[in-house]
């Protein structure tokens, strides 16, 4: 099962207790499901936990059963349908819409007055039209609906609850999405999936550790490369002075420095400075080597 599927399965373990919350959750499902029209309600899912939750939710919220309940064969999509006009009329009435008018879907905030109902609404919207990417790959969570007004009102609701979302359109649908891991963690915890939220936190810590390790390795590699290049340049300068017969005429301190540099080409300045008797400071050794480079240049 995908990470998104695991999240939905965890969300479905939330108890269905109060009727107001059941109605808020089904309200989210209906606004984000495949079809919600005066002549048909159609909900399609591949998640078995969500499929098991749907009949209980609709019975608790409306005292209504589905006209078509799929048999779970263990694979493929499961399709739930209501075509009975009386049942759909009752659902539309509770949802705050009108059968007489063209069914223009929007969020009925009258169903979301309590905090628990708002959370239930978000859970239902995510179960029907949401997804979240595996945090090992990237951070992305979205709610997808075919109703523009619902998408706009969802953004308002999210903002009122402290979540700043983004919006886009994709293949005729409207998407409310998040890319900040903190928002995704908090939203999953709020909706009832704290274990999944912890998985995102753990993945983030692992990513940060891996990135920090890579930065350190890259930094060490760069420092080693710089040290090797500097040592090769210094040795080349010493060879040039030697070939010109100038090396033996240098002061004794510079000759000693040249001898140790050629003898230990792999050493860093700090390591090489410790080989002198008495040991030199890194700054002093660097000054001597710069002098050798300067003389070789002349």
Protein backbone atom coordinates (compact mmCIF):
# COMPACT_ATOMS: atom_id res chain seq x y z
CA UNK A 1 0.00 0.00 0.00
CA UNK A 2 1.18 3.54 -0.75
CA UNK A 3 1.94 6.08 1.97
CA UNK A 4 -1.27 7.91 1.04
CA UNK A 5 -3.21 4.67 1.44
CA UNK A 6 -1.64 4.10 4.86
CA UNK A 7 -2.70 7.60 5.92
CA UNK A 8 -6.29 7.00 4.84
CA UNK A 9 -6.38 3.65 6.65
CA UNK A 10 -5.17 5.36 9.82
CA UNK A 11 -7.79 8.11 9.45
CA UNK A 12 -10.52 5.50 9.13
CA UNK A 13 -9.71 4.21 12.59
CA UNK A 14 -11.21 7.38 14.07
CA UNK A 15 -14.43 6.55 15.92
CA UNK A 16 -17.77 7.70 14.49
CA UNK A 17 -19.44 9.08 17.61
CA UNK A 18 -21.55 12.21 17.11
CA UNK A 19 -24.11 12.74 14.36
CA UNK A 20 -22.88 16.29 13.71
CA UNK A 21 -19.37 15.02 13.04
CA UNK A 22 -20.68 12.18 10.85
CA UNK A 23 -22.62 14.73 8.77
CA UNK A 24 -19.59 17.01 8.53
CA UNK A 25 -17.39 14.12 7.38
CA UNK A 26 -19.92 12.95 4.77
CA UNK A 27 -20.26 16.58 3.66
CA UNK A 28 -16.52 16.60 2.92
CA UNK A 29 -16.81 13.24 1.14
CA UNK A 30 -19.71 14.41 -1.06
CA UNK A 31 -17.96 17.64 -2.11
CA UNK A 32 -14.76 15.79 -3.00
CA UNK A 33 -16.13 12.49 -4.34
CA UNK A 34 -16.57 11.48 -7.98
CA UNK A 35 -20.25 12.42 -8.43
CA UNK A 36 -22.75 14.35 -6.31
CA UNK A 37 -25.78 15.28 -8.41
CA UNK A 38 -29.58 15.32 -7.92
CA UNK A 39 -29.87 12.02 -9.78
CA UNK A 40 -26.76 10.20 -8.56
CA UNK A 41 -24.16 9.96 -5.82
CA UNK A 42 -21.09 7.97 -6.80
CA UNK A 43 -18.03 7.35 -4.63
CA UNK A 44 -15.06 5.37 -5.98
CA UNK A 45 -12.18 4.21 -3.81
CA UNK A 46 -9.41 1.63 -3.73
CA UNK A 47 -8.91 1.92 0.02
CA UNK A 48 -10.54 -0.97 1.87
CA UNK A 49 -10.66 0.85 5.21
CA UNK A 50 -12.50 3.79 3.63
CA UNK A 51 -14.86 1.39 1.86
CA UNK A 52 -15.70 -0.23 5.19
CA UNK A 53 -16.26 3.18 6.82
CA UNK A 54 -18.60 4.63 4.17
CA UNK A 55 -21.80 2.63 4.95
CA UNK A 56 -21.42 3.33 8.67
CA UNK A 57 -20.95 7.05 8.06
CA UNK A 58 -23.99 7.44 5.81
CA UNK A 59 -26.15 5.43 8.19
CA UNK A 60 -25.03 7.55 11.15
CA UNK A 61 -25.39 10.85 9.27
CA UNK A 62 -28.62 10.28 7.34
CA UNK A 63 -30.01 6.88 8.31
CA UNK A 64 -29.50 5.94 4.65
CA UNK A 65 -27.90 2.91 3.00
CA UNK A 66 -26.22 2.77 -0.41
CA UNK A 67 -28.20 1.39 -3.37
CA UNK A 68 -25.06 -0.26 -4.68
CA UNK A 69 -22.41 -1.64 -2.34
CA UNK A 70 -19.50 -3.37 -4.10
CA UNK A 71 -18.19 -6.77 -3.17
CA UNK A 72 -14.59 -6.59 -2.02
CA UNK A 73 -12.59 -8.94 -4.21
CA UNK A 74 -9.35 -7.71 -2.67
CA UNK A 75 -8.20 -5.72 -5.69
CA UNK A 76 -9.40 -2.94 -7.98
CA UNK A 77 -11.75 -0.02 -7.43
CA UNK A 78 -14.82 -0.16 -5.22
CA UNK A 79 -17.88 1.84 -6.36
CA UNK A 80 -20.64 3.02 -4.01
CA UNK A 81 -23.80 4.48 -5.53
CA UNK A 82 -27.10 6.05 -4.49
CA UNK A 83 -29.65 6.58 -7.28
CA UNK A 84 -32.87 6.67 -5.26
CA UNK A 85 -34.24 10.21 -5.59
CA UNK A 86 -35.72 10.23 -2.10
CA UNK A 87 -32.43 9.31 -0.49
CA UNK A 88 -30.50 11.88 -2.50
CA UNK A 89 -33.15 14.50 -1.69
CA UNK A 90 -32.75 13.83 2.03
CA UNK A 91 -28.96 14.13 1.77
CA UNK A 92 -29.20 17.34 -0.27
CA UNK A 93 -31.62 18.81 2.25
CA UNK A 94 -29.33 18.02 5.22
CA UNK A 95 -26.36 19.41 3.25
CA UNK A 96 -28.15 22.74 2.96
CA UNK A 97 -28.73 22.62 -0.82
CA UNK A 98 -31.96 22.78 -2.80
CA UNK A 99 -33.36 20.20 -5.22
CA UNK A 100 -35.52 22.87 -6.89
CA UNK A 101 -32.54 24.99 -7.91
CA UNK A 102 -29.55 24.01 -10.00
CA UNK A 103 -27.33 22.16 -7.53
CA UNK A 104 -24.42 24.58 -7.09
CA UNK A 105 -22.10 22.92 -4.62
CA UNK A 106 -20.33 24.85 -1.91
CA UNK A 107 -19.20 24.26 1.67
CA UNK A 108 -22.08 24.64 4.11
CA UNK A 109 -20.31 26.32 7.02
CA UNK A 110 -23.44 25.84 9.08
CA UNK A 111 -22.41 22.18 9.39
CA UNK A 112 -18.92 23.18 10.57
CA UNK A 113 -19.62 25.42 13.54
CA UNK A 114 -17.80 23.19 16.03
CA UNK A 115 -14.05 22.51 15.85
CA UNK A 116 -14.66 18.75 15.89
CA UNK A 117 -16.94 19.09 12.86
CA UNK A 118 -14.34 21.08 10.94
CA UNK A 119 -11.79 18.36 11.58
CA UNK A 120 -14.31 15.72 10.48
CA UNK A 121 -15.03 17.68 7.29
CA UNK A 122 -11.32 17.80 6.42
CA UNK A 123 -11.01 14.07 7.10
CA UNK A 124 -13.91 13.30 4.76
CA UNK A 125 -12.54 15.60 2.03
CA UNK A 126 -9.14 13.92 2.25
CA UNK A 127 -10.56 10.40 2.24
CA UNK A 128 -12.58 11.12 -0.91
CA UNK A 129 -10.31 13.46 -2.84
CA UNK A 130 -6.99 13.76 -1.05
CA UNK A 131 -3.51 12.32 -1.31
CA UNK A 132 -0.11 12.78 0.31
CA UNK A 133 3.24 11.89 -1.23
CA UNK A 134 5.74 9.54 0.40
CA UNK A 135 7.92 11.91 2.49
CA UNK A 136 11.04 9.98 1.47
CA UNK A 137 10.50 11.47 -2.01
CA UNK A 138 9.07 14.94 -1.34
CA UNK A 139 6.56 16.85 0.76
CA UNK A 140 3.21 17.28 -0.97
CA UNK A 141 -0.39 16.98 0.23
CA UNK A 142 -3.47 17.91 -1.79
CA UNK A 143 -7.27 17.98 -1.87
CA UNK A 144 -8.83 17.66 -5.35
CA UNK A 145 -12.42 18.60 -6.24
CA UNK A 146 -14.26 19.28 -9.49
CA UNK A 147 -16.10 22.25 -7.91
CA UNK A 148 -14.38 25.64 -8.13
CA UNK A 149 -16.41 27.28 -5.36
CA UNK A 150 -15.67 24.39 -2.99
CA UNK A 151 -11.94 24.78 -3.68
CA UNK A 152 -12.04 28.51 -2.97
CA UNK A 153 -13.98 28.01 0.26
CA UNK A 154 -11.63 25.22 1.32
CA UNK A 155 -8.72 27.65 1.05
CA UNK A 156 -10.63 30.09 3.28
CA UNK A 157 -11.42 27.36 5.80
CA UNK A 158 -7.79 26.23 5.88
CA UNK A 159 -6.60 29.78 6.47
CA UNK A 160 -9.08 30.22 9.35
CA UNK A 161 -7.67 27.03 10.88
CA UNK A 162 -4.09 28.30 10.58
CA UNK A 163 -3.00 26.49 7.41
CA UNK A 164 -1.78 28.56 4.44
CA UNK A 165 -2.49 26.52 1.31
CA UNK A 166 -1.87 27.02 -2.39
CA UNK A 167 -4.24 26.49 -5.28
CA UNK A 168 -3.98 25.30 -8.86
CA UNK A 169 -6.11 23.72 -11.59
CA UNK A 170 -5.35 20.33 -13.12
CA UNK A 171 -7.30 18.44 -15.80
CA UNK A 172 -10.52 20.33 -15.09
CA UNK A 173 -10.21 19.86 -11.33
CA UNK A 174 -9.28 22.33 -8.61
CA UNK A 175 -6.46 21.50 -6.24
CA UNK A 176 -5.74 22.83 -2.75
CA UNK A 177 -2.23 21.75 -1.78
CA UNK A 178 0.62 22.08 0.71
CA UNK A 179 4.36 21.64 0.27
CA UNK A 180 5.52 22.67 3.75
CA UNK A 181 6.24 19.57 5.82
CA UNK A 182 5.17 21.35 9.03
CA UNK A 183 1.68 22.06 7.67
CA UNK A 184 1.32 18.49 6.44
CA UNK A 185 2.42 17.06 9.81
CA UNK A 186 0.04 19.32 11.75
CA UNK A 187 -2.87 18.69 9.39
CA UNK A 188 -2.47 14.90 9.54
CA UNK A 189 -2.26 15.02 13.33
CA UNK A 190 -5.38 17.20 13.49
CA UNK A 191 -7.38 14.91 11.18
CA UNK A 192 -6.46 11.82 13.20
CA UNK A 193 -3.28 10.37 11.66
CA UNK A 194 -0.51 11.11 14.22
CA UNK A 195 1.48 7.99 13.29
CA UNK A 196 1.71 9.12 9.66
CA UNK A 197 2.70 12.59 10.86
CA UNK A 198 5.53 11.01 12.87
CA UNK A 199 6.64 9.12 9.75
CA UNK A 200 7.03 12.47 7.97
CA UNK A 201 8.99 13.90 10.91
CA UNK A 202 11.28 10.85 10.93
CA UNK A 203 11.82 11.06 7.17
CA UNK A 204 12.68 14.75 7.53
CA UNK A 205 15.23 14.07 10.28
CA UNK A 206 16.79 11.31 8.17
CA UNK A 207 16.97 13.62 5.15
CA UNK A 208 18.58 16.38 7.20
CA UNK A 209 21.18 13.98 8.63
CA UNK A 210 21.96 12.61 5.18
CA UNK A 211 22.25 16.10 3.72
CA UNK A 212 24.49 17.23 6.55
CA UNK A 213 26.70 14.17 6.08
CA UNK A 214 26.93 14.85 2.35
CA UNK A 215 27.82 18.49 3.00
CA UNK A 216 30.60 17.46 5.37
CA UNK A 217 31.97 14.85 2.96
CA UNK A 218 31.89 17.35 0.11
CA UNK A 219 33.57 19.96 2.28
CA UNK A 220 36.29 17.51 3.38
CA UNK A 221 36.81 16.40 -0.21
CA UNK A 222 37.12 20.00 -1.36
CA UNK A 223 39.61 20.77 1.43
CA UNK A 224 41.71 17.71 0.57
CA UNK A 225 41.70 18.68 -3.11
CA UNK A 226 42.80 22.21 -2.25
CA UNK A 227 45.57 20.88 0.02
CA UNK A 228 46.82 18.48 -2.67
CA UNK A 229 46.79 21.20 -5.33
CA UNK A 230 48.68 23.60 -3.04
CA UNK A 231 51.26 20.93 -2.16
CA UNK A 232 51.84 20.12 -5.85
CA UNK A 233 52.32 23.81 -6.62
CA UNK A 234 54.81 24.16 -3.76
CA UNK A 235 56.78 21.07 -4.82
CA UNK A 236 56.89 22.30 -8.42
CA UNK A 237 58.32 25.61 -7.17
CA UNK A 238 60.96 23.77 -5.13
CA UNK A 239 61.92 21.65 -8.17
CA UNK A 240 62.23 24.82 -10.26
CA UNK A 241 64.56 26.40 -7.69
CA UNK A 242 66.54 23.16 -7.55
CA UNK A 243 66.88 23.02 -11.33
CA UNK A 244 68.05 26.63 -11.41
CA UNK A 245 70.69 25.89 -8.75
CA UNK A 246 69.08 28.45 -6.44
CA UNK A 247 67.77 26.10 -3.75
CA UNK A 248 71.13 25.67 -2.03
CA UNK A 249 71.60 29.43 -1.78
CA UNK A 250 68.38 29.94 0.22
CA UNK A 251 68.42 30.60 3.98
CA UNK A 252 68.62 27.48 6.12
CA UNK A 253 64.97 27.85 7.29
CA UNK A 254 63.69 27.86 3.71
CA UNK A 255 65.89 24.88 2.75
CA UNK A 256 64.53 22.92 5.72
CA UNK A 257 60.98 23.84 4.72
CA UNK A 258 61.58 22.75 1.11
CA UNK A 259 63.12 19.45 2.25
CA UNK A 260 60.17 18.54 4.49
CA UNK A 261 57.59 19.61 1.89
CA UNK A 262 59.15 17.31 -0.73
CA UNK A 263 59.54 14.48 1.78
CA UNK A 264 55.88 14.66 2.94
CA UNK A 265 53.79 15.81 -0.05
CA UNK A 266 50.58 14.32 1.34
CA UNK A 267 50.64 16.24 4.63
CA UNK A 268 48.44 19.25 5.37
CA UNK A 269 50.08 22.46 6.59
CA UNK A 270 49.17 21.66 10.19
CA UNK A 271 50.70 18.18 9.97
CA UNK A 272 53.80 19.46 8.22
CA UNK A 273 54.30 22.27 10.73
CA UNK A 274 54.43 19.67 13.53
CA UNK A 275 57.42 17.94 11.89
CA UNK A 276 59.77 20.87 12.57
CA UNK A 277 62.03 21.01 15.61
CA UNK A 278 60.71 22.92 17.38
CA UNK A 279 57.27 22.76 15.72
CA UNK A 280 56.16 25.76 13.71
CA UNK A 281 52.84 27.49 13.69
CA UNK A 282 50.69 26.98 10.61
CA UNK A 283 50.93 30.69 9.86
CA UNK A 284 54.74 30.64 10.00
CA UNK A 285 54.98 27.63 7.71
CA UNK A 286 52.53 29.18 5.27
CA UNK A 287 54.68 32.33 5.18
CA UNK A 288 57.81 30.28 4.34
CA UNK A 289 56.06 28.39 1.54
CA UNK A 290 54.73 31.62 0.06
CA UNK A 291 58.28 32.95 0.05
CA UNK A 292 59.47 29.84 -1.83
CA UNK A 293 56.68 30.30 -4.40
CA UNK A 294 57.65 33.96 -4.77
CA UNK A 295 61.33 33.14 -5.35
CA UNK A 296 60.43 30.44 -7.86
CA UNK A 297 58.27 32.94 -9.70
CA UNK A 298 61.16 35.38 -9.92
